[in-house]
Amino acid sequence: MPYHLGSGIKRALDKWSEIDFLDDHDGCLFTATVHRKPLEDLKLVGDLYKTPVKTPGLVLMTLKANPYLTLAEVAETVGKSLSVVERAAANLVRTGKLKYVVPKKGGHWEVLDK
């Protein structure tokens, strides 16, 4: 029974040099070995805000890291306007994911697990 390689294998071999391919026609078998880079060679994203995340998620992550920030400071940190952050915070408070605690001196945010 003759076989032929699918276009996906050919494209992968053309685009990625880290694949070793052994085609055994007699045994009707092929072996593809994909070599990965060592973990220490990978460039991991160190900045939390480089990954696309919606504004409410950014607000929650920022306030979880520092609950004493003002919304203006959150807006500056995440690179959004104050009005956008205020709307996101209001929605998060309304849905029970965020709460502002007001003690006698200085308040802070609590990120609620829901």
Protein backbone atom coordinates (compact mmCIF):
# COMPACT_ATOMS: atom_id res chain seq x y z
CA MET A 1 0.00 0.00 0.00
CA PRO A 2 1.80 3.16 -1.13
CA TYR A 3 1.64 6.29 0.97
CA HIS A 4 2.69 9.86 0.51
CA LEU A 5 3.49 12.58 2.97
CA GLY A 6 0.81 15.10 3.75
CA SER A 7 1.43 18.76 3.04
CA GLY A 8 1.61 19.57 6.76
CA ILE A 9 4.76 17.50 7.23
CA LYS A 10 6.41 19.04 4.19
CA ARG A 11 5.55 22.56 5.34
CA ALA A 12 6.85 21.86 8.86
CA LEU A 13 10.14 20.55 7.48
CA ASP A 14 10.52 23.61 5.24
CA LYS A 15 9.76 26.14 7.98
CA TRP A 16 11.44 24.60 11.03
CA SER A 17 15.03 23.46 10.88
CA GLU A 18 14.77 21.80 14.31
CA ILE A 19 12.97 18.73 12.91
CA ASP A 20 14.84 15.56 11.97
CA PHE A 21 12.89 13.37 9.56
CA LEU A 22 13.57 9.70 8.81
CA ASP A 23 11.46 8.20 6.00
CA ASP A 24 11.56 4.38 5.91
CA HIS A 25 9.71 3.43 2.70
CA ASP A 26 10.44 -0.29 3.11
CA GLY A 27 8.93 -0.44 6.58
CA CYS A 28 6.11 1.97 5.71
CA LEU A 29 7.21 4.12 8.61
CA PHE A 30 8.45 7.62 9.12
CA THR A 31 9.85 9.21 12.26
CA ALA A 32 9.86 12.92 12.98
CA THR A 33 11.95 14.19 15.88
CA VAL A 34 11.22 17.74 16.98
CA HIS A 35 14.05 19.33 18.94
CA ARG A 36 13.02 21.95 21.46
CA LYS A 37 15.20 24.70 22.83
CA PRO A 38 16.36 24.24 26.43
CA LEU A 39 14.18 26.12 28.89
CA GLU A 40 16.99 28.50 29.82
CA ASP A 41 17.30 29.55 26.14
CA LEU A 42 13.65 30.56 25.86
CA LYS A 43 12.86 34.24 26.20
CA LEU A 44 10.01 34.37 28.67
CA VAL A 45 7.82 37.43 28.91
CA GLY A 46 8.87 39.23 32.05
CA ASP A 47 6.44 42.09 31.79
CA LEU A 48 2.93 41.16 32.86
CA TYR A 49 1.38 43.81 30.64
CA LYS A 50 2.90 42.68 27.33
CA THR A 51 0.40 39.84 26.99
CA PRO A 52 -2.94 41.01 25.60
CA VAL A 53 -5.41 40.99 28.49
CA LYS A 54 -8.72 42.79 28.73
CA THR A 55 -8.87 45.84 30.97
CA PRO A 56 -10.82 44.23 33.86
CA GLY A 57 -8.20 41.49 34.05
CA LEU A 58 -5.40 44.07 34.08
CA VAL A 59 -7.14 46.01 36.84
CA LEU A 60 -7.56 42.87 38.96
CA MET A 61 -3.95 41.74 38.46
CA THR A 62 -2.60 45.20 39.26
CA LEU A 63 -4.70 45.64 42.39
CA LYS A 64 -3.91 42.12 43.55
CA ALA A 65 -0.21 42.99 43.33
CA ASN A 66 -0.67 46.34 45.12
CA PRO A 67 -4.11 46.90 46.70
CA TYR A 68 -3.20 50.40 47.92
CA LEU A 69 -3.02 51.95 44.44
CA THR A 70 -5.51 54.59 43.38
CA LEU A 71 -7.43 54.06 40.16
CA ALA A 72 -5.36 56.85 38.59
CA GLU A 73 -2.19 54.91 39.47
CA VAL A 74 -3.73 51.72 38.08
CA ALA A 75 -4.56 53.56 34.84
CA GLU A 76 -0.98 54.79 34.54
CA THR A 77 0.41 51.32 35.31
CA VAL A 78 -1.70 49.49 32.72
CA GLY A 79 -1.51 52.23 30.10
CA LYS A 80 -5.24 52.96 29.92
CA SER A 81 -7.18 56.15 30.51
CA LEU A 82 -8.61 56.85 33.95
CA SER A 83 -12.20 56.68 32.66
CA VAL A 84 -11.61 53.22 31.15
CA VAL A 85 -10.14 51.95 34.44
CA GLU A 86 -12.97 53.55 36.46
CA ARG A 87 -15.58 51.79 34.27
CA ALA A 88 -13.75 48.47 34.58
CA ALA A 89 -13.47 48.85 38.37
CA ALA A 90 -17.17 49.76 38.67
CA ASN A 91 -18.13 46.64 36.70
CA LEU A 92 -15.82 44.50 38.84
CA VAL A 93 -17.36 45.90 42.04
CA ARG A 94 -20.89 45.35 40.66
CA THR A 95 -20.09 41.72 39.75
CA GLY A 96 -18.53 41.04 43.15
CA LYS A 97 -14.96 40.54 41.97
CA LEU A 98 -13.54 43.67 43.58
CA LYS A 99 -14.24 45.51 46.84
CA TYR A 100 -12.94 48.77 48.28
CA VAL A 101 -12.33 48.64 52.04
CA VAL A 102 -12.51 51.99 53.83
CA PRO A 103 -10.91 52.01 57.29
CA LYS A 104 -10.31 55.17 59.35
CA LYS A 105 -6.97 55.90 57.68
CA GLY A 106 -6.42 55.00 54.03
CA GLY A 107 -8.42 52.45 52.12
CA HIS A 108 -7.39 49.55 49.96
CA TRP A 109 -8.79 47.21 47.34
CA GLU A 110 -9.62 43.55 47.90
CA VAL A 111 -9.69 41.23 44.90
CA LEU A 112 -12.39 38.66 45.63
CA ASP A 113 -12.14 35.10 44.33
CA LYS A 114 -15.32 34.46 42.39
